[in-house]
C-alpha atoms as a PDB file:
ATOM      1  CA  UNK A   1      22.200   1.047  35.461  1.00  0.00           C
ATOM      2  CA  UNK A   2      25.233   1.461  33.220  1.00  0.00           C
ATOM      3  CA  UNK A   3      26.303  -2.146  32.772  1.00  0.00           C
ATOM      4  CA  UNK A   4      29.962  -2.889  32.110  1.00  0.00           C
ATOM      5  CA  UNK A   5      30.959  -4.431  28.796  1.00  0.00           C
ATOM      6  CA  UNK A   6      31.668  -7.721  30.550  1.00  0.00           C
ATOM      7  CA  UNK A   7      28.205  -7.791  32.073  1.00  0.00           C
ATOM      8  CA  UNK A   8      26.591  -6.901  28.769  1.00  0.00           C
ATOM      9  CA  UNK A   9      28.536  -9.615  26.940  1.00  0.00           C
ATOM     10  CA  UNK A  10      27.488 -12.099  29.616  1.00  0.00           C
ATOM     11  CA  UNK A  11      23.848 -11.103  29.118  1.00  0.00           C
ATOM     12  CA  UNK A  12      24.214 -11.679  25.378  1.00  0.00           C
ATOM     13  CA  UNK A  13      25.810 -15.089  25.916  1.00  0.00           C
ATOM     14  CA  UNK A  14      23.232 -16.227  28.462  1.00  0.00           C
ATOM     15  CA  UNK A  15      20.308 -14.838  26.510  1.00  0.00           C
ATOM     16  CA  UNK A  16      21.392 -16.457  23.251  1.00  0.00           C
ATOM     17  CA  UNK A  17      22.072 -19.747  25.034  1.00  0.00           C
ATOM     18  CA  UNK A  18      18.605 -19.778  26.573  1.00  0.00           C
ATOM     19  CA  UNK A  19      17.014 -18.812  23.259  1.00  0.00           C
ATOM     20  CA  UNK A  20      18.682 -21.712  21.452  1.00  0.00           C
ATOM     21  CA  UNK A  21      17.840 -24.055  24.336  1.00  0.00           C
ATOM     22  CA  UNK A  22      14.181 -23.057  23.894  1.00  0.00           C
ATOM     23  CA  UNK A  23      14.279 -23.571  20.122  1.00  0.00           C
ATOM     24  CA  UNK A  24      16.127 -26.895  20.195  1.00  0.00           C
ATOM     25  CA  UNK A  25      14.530 -28.258  23.362  1.00  0.00           C
ATOM     26  CA  UNK A  26      10.979 -27.523  22.262  1.00  0.00           C
ATOM     27  CA  UNK A  27      11.748 -29.131  18.905  1.00  0.00           C
ATOM     28  CA  UNK A  28      12.942 -32.307  20.621  1.00  0.00           C
ATOM     29  CA  UNK A  29       9.934 -32.349  22.935  1.00  0.00           C
ATOM     30  CA  UNK A  30       7.539 -31.802  20.038  1.00  0.00           C
ATOM     31  CA  UNK A  31       8.936 -34.709  18.006  1.00  0.00           C
ATOM     32  CA  UNK A  32       8.705 -36.992  21.032  1.00  0.00           C
ATOM     33  CA  UNK A  33       5.065 -36.076  21.686  1.00  0.00           C
ATOM     34  CA  UNK A  34       3.711 -36.030  18.129  1.00  0.00           C
ATOM     35  CA  UNK A  35       4.496 -37.476  14.709  1.00  0.00           C
ATOM     36  CA  UNK A  36       2.523 -34.695  12.976  1.00  0.00           C
ATOM     37  CA  UNK A  37       5.022 -32.232  11.488  1.00  0.00           C
ATOM     38  CA  UNK A  38       2.484 -29.429  11.653  1.00  0.00           C
ATOM     39  CA  UNK A  39       1.942 -29.982  15.360  1.00  0.00           C
ATOM     40  CA  UNK A  40       5.700 -30.176  15.866  1.00  0.00           C
ATOM     41  CA  UNK A  41       6.233 -26.818  14.156  1.00  0.00           C
ATOM     42  CA  UNK A  42       3.347 -25.251  16.082  1.00  0.00           C
ATOM     43  CA  UNK A  43       4.813 -26.357  19.410  1.00  0.00           C
ATOM     44  CA  UNK A  44       8.291 -25.208  18.392  1.00  0.00           C
ATOM     45  CA  UNK A  45       7.108 -21.786  17.231  1.00  0.00           C
ATOM     46  CA  UNK A  46       4.912 -21.130  20.280  1.00  0.00           C
ATOM     47  CA  UNK A  47       7.714 -22.002  22.690  1.00  0.00           C
ATOM     48  CA  UNK A  48      10.060 -19.705  20.771  1.00  0.00           C
ATOM     49  CA  UNK A  49       7.591 -16.804  20.841  1.00  0.00           C
ATOM     50  CA  UNK A  50       7.082 -17.019  24.592  1.00  0.00           C
ATOM     51  CA  UNK A  51      10.734 -17.663  25.387  1.00  0.00           C
ATOM     52  CA  UNK A  52      12.051 -14.889  23.180  1.00  0.00           C
ATOM     53  CA  UNK A  53       9.605 -12.324  24.540  1.00  0.00           C
ATOM     54  CA  UNK A  54      10.592 -13.108  28.120  1.00  0.00           C
ATOM     55  CA  UNK A  55      14.319 -12.993  27.354  1.00  0.00           C
ATOM     56  CA  UNK A  56      14.070  -9.605  25.624  1.00  0.00           C
ATOM     57  CA  UNK A  57      12.071  -8.186  28.513  1.00  0.00           C
ATOM     58  CA  UNK A  58      14.482  -9.574  31.103  1.00  0.00           C
ATOM     59  CA  UNK A  59      17.851  -8.850  29.486  1.00  0.00           C
ATOM     60  CA  UNK A  60      17.045  -5.832  27.320  1.00  0.00           C
ATOM     61  CA  UNK A  61      17.878  -3.347  30.086  1.00  0.00           C
ATOM     62  CA  UNK A  62      21.310  -4.940  30.509  1.00  0.00           C
ATOM     63  CA  UNK A  63      22.643  -5.418  26.965  1.00  0.00           C
ATOM     64  CA  UNK A  64      19.875  -4.406  24.572  1.00  0.00           C
ATOM     65  CA  UNK A  65      18.948  -8.078  24.159  1.00  0.00           C
ATOM     66  CA  UNK A  66      20.331  -8.468  20.653  1.00  0.00           C
ATOM     67  CA  UNK A  67      21.060 -12.226  20.816  1.00  0.00           C
ATOM     68  CA  UNK A  68      21.890 -11.876  17.126  1.00  0.00           C
ATOM     69  CA  UNK A  69      25.063 -10.737  15.319  1.00  0.00           C
ATOM     70  CA  UNK A  70      23.165  -9.060  12.479  1.00  0.00           C
ATOM     71  CA  UNK A  71      21.254  -6.945  15.003  1.00  0.00           C
ATOM     72  CA  UNK A  72      24.524  -6.030  16.714  1.00  0.00           C
ATOM     73  CA  UNK A  73      26.177  -5.111  13.415  1.00  0.00           C
ATOM     74  CA  UNK A  74      23.161  -3.076  12.320  1.00  0.00           C
ATOM     75  CA  UNK A  75      23.132  -1.300  15.686  1.00  0.00           C
ATOM     76  CA  UNK A  76      26.812  -0.431  15.333  1.00  0.00           C
ATOM     77  CA  UNK A  77      26.329   0.807  11.763  1.00  0.00           C
ATOM     78  CA  UNK A  78      23.382   3.046  12.612  1.00  0.00           C
ATOM     79  CA  UNK A  79      24.953   4.546  15.762  1.00  0.00           C
ATOM     80  CA  UNK A  80      28.643   4.543  14.859  1.00  0.00           C
ATOM     81  CA  UNK A  81      28.786   8.380  14.742  1.00  0.00           C
ATOM     82  CA  UNK A  82      26.919   8.741  18.017  1.00  0.00           C
ATOM     83  CA  UNK A  83      29.174   9.119  21.086  1.00  0.00           C
ATOM     84  CA  UNK A  84      26.742   6.951  23.044  1.00  0.00           C
ATOM     85  CA  UNK A  85      26.251   4.421  20.253  1.00  0.00           C
ATOM     86  CA  UNK A  86      27.553   0.888  19.982  1.00  0.00           C
ATOM     87  CA  UNK A  87      31.343   0.818  19.527  1.00  0.00           C
ATOM     88  CA  UNK A  88      33.448  -1.689  17.641  1.00  0.00           C
ATOM     89  CA  UNK A  89      34.754  -3.054  20.943  1.00  0.00           C
ATOM     90  CA  UNK A  90      31.158  -3.810  21.900  1.00  0.00           C
ATOM     91  CA  UNK A  91      30.645  -5.654  18.611  1.00  0.00           C
ATOM     92  CA  UNK A  92      33.880  -7.573  19.202  1.00  0.00           C
ATOM     93  CA  UNK A  93      32.536  -8.700  22.578  1.00  0.00           C
ATOM     94  CA  UNK A  94      28.895  -9.289  21.649  1.00  0.00           C
ATOM     95  CA  UNK A  95      29.310 -11.451  18.543  1.00  0.00           C
ATOM     96  CA  UNK A  96      31.611 -14.109  20.055  1.00  0.00           C
ATOM     97  CA  UNK A  97      29.445 -14.149  23.193  1.00  0.00           C
ATOM     98  CA  UNK A  98      26.320 -14.716  21.112  1.00  0.00           C
ATOM     99  CA  UNK A  99      27.960 -17.469  19.080  1.00  0.00           C
ATOM    100  CA  UNK A 100      29.390 -19.272  22.103  1.00  0.00           C
ATOM    101  CA  UNK A 101      26.057 -18.937  23.865  1.00  0.00           C
ATOM    102  CA  UNK A 102      24.194 -20.423  20.901  1.00  0.00           C
ATOM    103  CA  UNK A 103      26.456 -23.472  20.806  1.00  0.00           C
ATOM    104  CA  UNK A 104      26.120 -23.877  24.563  1.00  0.00           C
ATOM    105  CA  UNK A 105      22.351 -23.630  24.337  1.00  0.00           C
ATOM    106  CA  UNK A 106      22.184 -26.420  21.755  1.00  0.00           C
ATOM    107  CA  UNK A 107      24.408 -28.654  23.890  1.00  0.00           C
ATOM    108  CA  UNK A 108      22.275 -27.872  26.958  1.00  0.00           C
ATOM    109  CA  UNK A 109      19.053 -28.786  25.162  1.00  0.00           C
ATOM    110  CA  UNK A 110      20.549 -32.077  23.977  1.00  0.00           C
ATOM    111  CA  UNK A 111      21.711 -32.825  27.514  1.00  0.00           C
ATOM    112  CA  UNK A 112      18.240 -32.169  28.971  1.00  0.00           C
ATOM    113  CA  UNK A 113      16.728 -34.736  26.610  1.00  0.00           C
ATOM    114  CA  UNK A 114      19.511 -37.308  26.957  1.00  0.00           C
ATOM    115  CA  UNK A 115      20.702 -36.789  23.384  1.00  0.00           C
ATOM    116  CA  UNK A 116      24.364 -36.870  22.346  1.00  0.00           C
ATOM    117  CA  UNK A 117      25.821 -33.602  23.600  1.00  0.00           C
ATOM    118  CA  UNK A 118      27.339 -32.747  20.225  1.00  0.00           C
ATOM    119  CA  UNK A 119      26.045 -34.422  17.093  1.00  0.00           C
ATOM    120  CA  UNK A 120      26.279 -32.371  13.932  1.00  0.00           C
ATOM    121  CA  UNK A 121      22.981 -32.096  12.122  1.00  0.00           C
ATOM    122  CA  UNK A 122      22.260 -33.983   8.918  1.00  0.00           C
ATOM    123  CA  UNK A 123      19.355 -31.672   8.054  1.00  0.00           C
ATOM    124  CA  UNK A 124      20.334 -30.156   4.691  1.00  0.00           C
ATOM    125  CA  UNK A 125      18.902 -26.668   4.158  1.00  0.00           C
ATOM    126  CA  UNK A 126      20.863 -25.586   1.089  1.00  0.00           C
ATOM    127  CA  UNK A 127      18.004 -25.076  -1.392  1.00  0.00           C
ATOM    128  CA  UNK A 128      17.725 -21.674  -3.033  1.00  0.00           C
ATOM    129  CA  UNK A 129      14.198 -20.994  -1.849  1.00  0.00           C
ATOM    130  CA  UNK A 130      15.328 -21.478   1.764  1.00  0.00           C
ATOM    131  CA  UNK A 131      18.084 -18.897   1.300  1.00  0.00           C
ATOM    132  CA  UNK A 132      15.572 -16.453  -0.169  1.00  0.00           C
ATOM    133  CA  UNK A 133      13.379 -17.053   2.863  1.00  0.00           C
ATOM    134  CA  UNK A 134      16.304 -16.193   5.151  1.00  0.00           C
ATOM    135  CA  UNK A 135      16.885 -12.937   3.284  1.00  0.00           C
ATOM    136  CA  UNK A 136      13.219 -12.019   3.711  1.00  0.00           C
ATOM    137  CA  UNK A 137      13.038 -13.095   7.356  1.00  0.00           C
ATOM    138  CA  UNK A 138      16.167 -11.181   8.352  1.00  0.00           C
ATOM    139  CA  UNK A 139      15.245  -8.054   6.400  1.00  0.00           C
ATOM    140  CA  UNK A 140      11.859  -8.000   8.102  1.00  0.00           C
ATOM    141  CA  UNK A 141      13.429  -8.436  11.521  1.00  0.00           C
ATOM    142  CA  UNK A 142      15.842  -5.536  11.013  1.00  0.00           C
ATOM    143  CA  UNK A 143      13.087  -3.337   9.618  1.00  0.00           C
ATOM    144  CA  UNK A 144      10.925  -4.089  12.645  1.00  0.00           C
ATOM    145  CA  UNK A 145      13.591  -3.447  15.289  1.00  0.00           C
ATOM    146  CA  UNK A 146      14.985  -0.241  13.846  1.00  0.00           C
ATOM    147  CA  UNK A 147      11.613   0.919  12.581  1.00  0.00           C
ATOM    148  CA  UNK A 148      10.264   0.730  16.131  1.00  0.00           C
ATOM    149  CA  UNK A 149      13.134   2.956  17.220  1.00  0.00           C
ATOM    150  CA  UNK A 150      12.451   5.540  14.529  1.00  0.00           C
ATOM    151  CA  UNK A 151       8.784   5.866  15.505  1.00  0.00           C
ATOM    152  CA  UNK A 152       9.485   5.962  19.235  1.00  0.00           C
ATOM    153  CA  UNK A 153       7.941   2.567  19.986  1.00  0.00           C
ATOM    154  CA  UNK A 154      10.995   0.676  21.221  1.00  0.00           C
ATOM    155  CA  UNK A 155       9.106  -0.344  24.361  1.00  0.00           C
ATOM    156  CA  UNK A 156       7.008  -2.657  22.187  1.00  0.00           C
ATOM    157  CA  UNK A 157      10.066  -4.663  21.093  1.00  0.00           C
ATOM    158  CA  UNK A 158       9.573  -7.707  23.376  1.00  0.00           C
ATOM    159  CA  UNK A 159       6.076  -8.421  22.106  1.00  0.00           C
ATOM    160  CA  UNK A 160       6.612  -7.212  18.546  1.00  0.00           C
ATOM    161  CA  UNK A 161       9.858  -9.065  17.856  1.00  0.00           C
ATOM    162  CA  UNK A 162       8.638 -12.293  19.439  1.00  0.00           C
ATOM    163  CA  UNK A 163       5.406 -12.068  17.426  1.00  0.00           C
ATOM    164  CA  UNK A 164       7.309 -11.459  14.199  1.00  0.00           C
ATOM    165  CA  UNK A 165       9.607 -14.431  14.733  1.00  0.00           C
ATOM    166  CA  UNK A 166       6.602 -16.617  15.541  1.00  0.00           C
ATOM    167  CA  UNK A 167       4.823 -15.595  12.355  1.00  0.00           C
ATOM    168  CA  UNK A 168       8.005 -15.990  10.297  1.00  0.00           C
ATOM    169  CA  UNK A 169       8.232 -19.615  11.431  1.00  0.00           C
ATOM    170  CA  UNK A 170       5.136 -20.108   9.287  1.00  0.00           C
ATOM    171  CA  UNK A 171       5.376 -17.678   6.376  1.00  0.00           C
ATOM    172  CA  UNK A 172       8.988 -18.496   5.451  1.00  0.00           C
ATOM    173  CA  UNK A 173      10.066 -21.848   4.020  1.00  0.00           C
ATOM    174  CA  UNK A 174      13.232 -21.778   6.159  1.00  0.00           C
ATOM    175  CA  UNK A 175      11.251 -21.335   9.420  1.00  0.00           C
ATOM    176  CA  UNK A 176      13.117 -18.063   9.958  1.00  0.00           C
ATOM    177  CA  UNK A 177      16.501 -18.626  11.559  1.00  0.00           C
ATOM    178  CA  UNK A 178      17.339 -14.937  10.815  1.00  0.00           C
ATOM    179  CA  UNK A 179      20.338 -15.118  13.142  1.00  0.00           C
ATOM    180  CA  UNK A 180      23.925 -16.205  12.346  1.00  0.00           C
ATOM    181  CA  UNK A 181      24.741 -17.200  15.936  1.00  0.00           C
ATOM    182  CA  UNK A 182      21.606 -19.312  16.269  1.00  0.00           C
ATOM    183  CA  UNK A 183      22.342 -20.863  12.868  1.00  0.00           C
ATOM    184  CA  UNK A 184      25.796 -21.938  14.043  1.00  0.00           C
ATOM    185  CA  UNK A 185      24.423 -23.260  17.325  1.00  0.00           C
ATOM    186  CA  UNK A 186      21.739 -25.319  15.613  1.00  0.00           C
ATOM    187  CA  UNK A 187      24.390 -27.102  13.542  1.00  0.00           C
ATOM    188  CA  UNK A 188      25.527 -28.823  16.757  1.00  0.00           C
ATOM    189  CA  UNK A 189      22.311 -30.809  17.239  1.00  0.00           C
ATOM    190  CA  UNK A 190      20.950 -33.523  14.967  1.00  0.00           C
ATOM    191  CA  UNK A 191      17.352 -32.917  16.037  1.00  0.00           C
ATOM    192  CA  UNK A 192      14.217 -31.211  14.703  1.00  0.00           C
ATOM    193  CA  UNK A 193      15.753 -27.720  14.790  1.00  0.00           C
ATOM    194  CA  UNK A 194      19.160 -28.693  13.391  1.00  0.00           C
ATOM    195  CA  UNK A 195      20.922 -27.500  10.253  1.00  0.00           C
ATOM    196  CA  UNK A 196      23.707 -29.335   8.440  1.00  0.00           C
ATOM    197  CA  UNK A 197      27.119 -27.651   8.819  1.00  0.00           C
ATOM    198  CA  UNK A 198      27.397 -27.359   5.026  1.00  0.00           C
ATOM    199  CA  UNK A 199      24.244 -25.225   4.996  1.00  0.00           C
ATOM    200  CA  UNK A 200      25.463 -22.794   7.658  1.00  0.00           C
ATOM    201  CA  UNK A 201      27.632 -20.488   5.520  1.00  0.00           C
ATOM    202  CA  UNK A 202      24.966 -19.934   2.811  1.00  0.00           C
ATOM    203  CA  UNK A 203      22.378 -19.239   5.530  1.00  0.00           C
ATOM    204  CA  UNK A 204      24.634 -16.671   7.181  1.00  0.00           C
ATOM    205  CA  UNK A 205      25.356 -15.001   3.836  1.00  0.00           C
ATOM    206  CA  UNK A 206      21.604 -14.760   3.193  1.00  0.00           C
ATOM    207  CA  UNK A 207      21.061 -13.303   6.658  1.00  0.00           C
ATOM    208  CA  UNK A 208      23.752 -10.655   6.155  1.00  0.00           C
ATOM    209  CA  UNK A 209      22.176  -9.692   2.828  1.00  0.00           C
ATOM    210  CA  UNK A 210      18.800  -9.512   4.541  1.00  0.00           C
ATOM    211  CA  UNK A 211      20.234  -7.193   7.201  1.00  0.00           C
ATOM    212  CA  UNK A 212      21.543  -4.821   4.524  1.00  0.00           C
ATOM    213  CA  UNK A 213      18.176  -4.814   2.781  1.00  0.00           C
ATOM    214  CA  UNK A 214      16.406  -4.275   6.082  1.00  0.00           C
ATOM    215  CA  UNK A 215      18.531  -1.218   6.868  1.00  0.00           C
ATOM    216  CA  UNK A 216      17.926   0.077   3.348  1.00  0.00           C
ATOM    217  CA  UNK A 217      14.179  -0.285   3.927  1.00  0.00           C
ATOM    218  CA  UNK A 218      14.479   1.651   7.199  1.00  0.00           C
ATOM    219  CA  UNK A 219      16.283   4.459   5.361  1.00  0.00           C
ATOM    220  CA  UNK A 220      13.685   4.546   2.576  1.00  0.00           C
ATOM    221  CA  UNK A 221      10.710   4.552   4.960  1.00  0.00           C
ATOM    222  CA  UNK A 222      12.005   6.763   7.762  1.00  0.00           C
ATOM    223  CA  UNK A 223      14.894   8.770   6.323  1.00  0.00           C
ATOM    224  CA  UNK A 224      17.828   9.849   8.444  1.00  0.00           C
ATOM    225  CA  UNK A 225      17.664   8.959  12.124  1.00  0.00           C
ATOM    226  CA  UNK A 226      16.384  11.555  14.533  1.00  0.00           C
ATOM    227  CA  UNK A 227      18.543  12.717  17.468  1.00  0.00           C
ATOM    228  CA  UNK A 228      19.051   9.812  19.855  1.00  0.00           C
ATOM    229  CA  UNK A 229      16.272   9.919  22.457  1.00  0.00           C
ATOM    230  CA  UNK A 230      14.491   6.600  22.163  1.00  0.00           C
ATOM    231  CA  UNK A 231      17.093   4.445  20.472  1.00  0.00           C
ATOM    232  CA  UNK A 232      16.291   0.778  19.875  1.00  0.00           C
ATOM    233  CA  UNK A 233      19.768  -0.432  20.741  1.00  0.00           C
ATOM    234  CA  UNK A 234      20.635  -0.116  24.416  1.00  0.00           C
ATOM    235  CA  UNK A 235      24.396  -0.635  24.656  1.00  0.00           C
ATOM    236  CA  UNK A 236      24.554   0.588  28.237  1.00  0.00           C
ATOM    237  CA  UNK A 237      21.112  -0.396  29.466  1.00  0.00           C
ATOM    238  CA  UNK A 238      19.577   3.041  29.934  1.00  0.00           C
ATOM    239  CA  UNK A 239      16.440   2.790  27.822  1.00  0.00           C
ATOM    240  CA  UNK A 240      14.058   0.258  26.354  1.00  0.00           C
ATOM    241  CA  UNK A 241      15.044  -3.270  25.337  1.00  0.00           C
ATOM    242  CA  UNK A 242      15.857  -3.886  21.714  1.00  0.00           C
ATOM    243  CA  UNK A 243      15.784  -7.434  20.724  1.00  0.00           C
ATOM    244  CA  UNK A 244      16.578 -10.610  19.431  1.00  0.00           C
END
């Protein structure tokens, strides 16, 4: 199926909304069921792993299942000379759809748990070590997604990407947002998964830097891309799902 741009943008909006609803909703549920922060993070990370894997598998054939502006930008950069690659008009549709979806997902999660629909987070995440963690988390994510493409293993993306994000919850001090749209969405909820609005811009800057470093790592490890046969990014839904 060659999905229209409108359908692909809708898939990105819905997928990102559901992803953020999983992240925020499971965080709320975890804090209501346990006062142990470790248990709360475990519940939050497990829900995210399962939810993300399902969403990539379901929506990958439609839009590529990016759910993430840095993935979309990296996909455009790596395929911009390919006639079948992601075009700037696709980026212009995907990124706003992802951002709007993320905000909607946070509001939906709050509504499901009878929280204020929009309450900006007071959770400050501006420390330098958290920004470093976001650089590392995002670089690793980009390396994984585009590395899988280069070695012809894009079909493993649903399990591999979900597993990476789950592990990054634990090995990074920032709990691995690694996604500008999700970062913006999580500013709209003053719950376990929230981030203070003042911390959003530094997080996004760190994520963009991480994306650049991730692409540089792909170039160092795999060289120039091979002819497009098993591309990670699926702008028209012909091949394997990419991400989140």
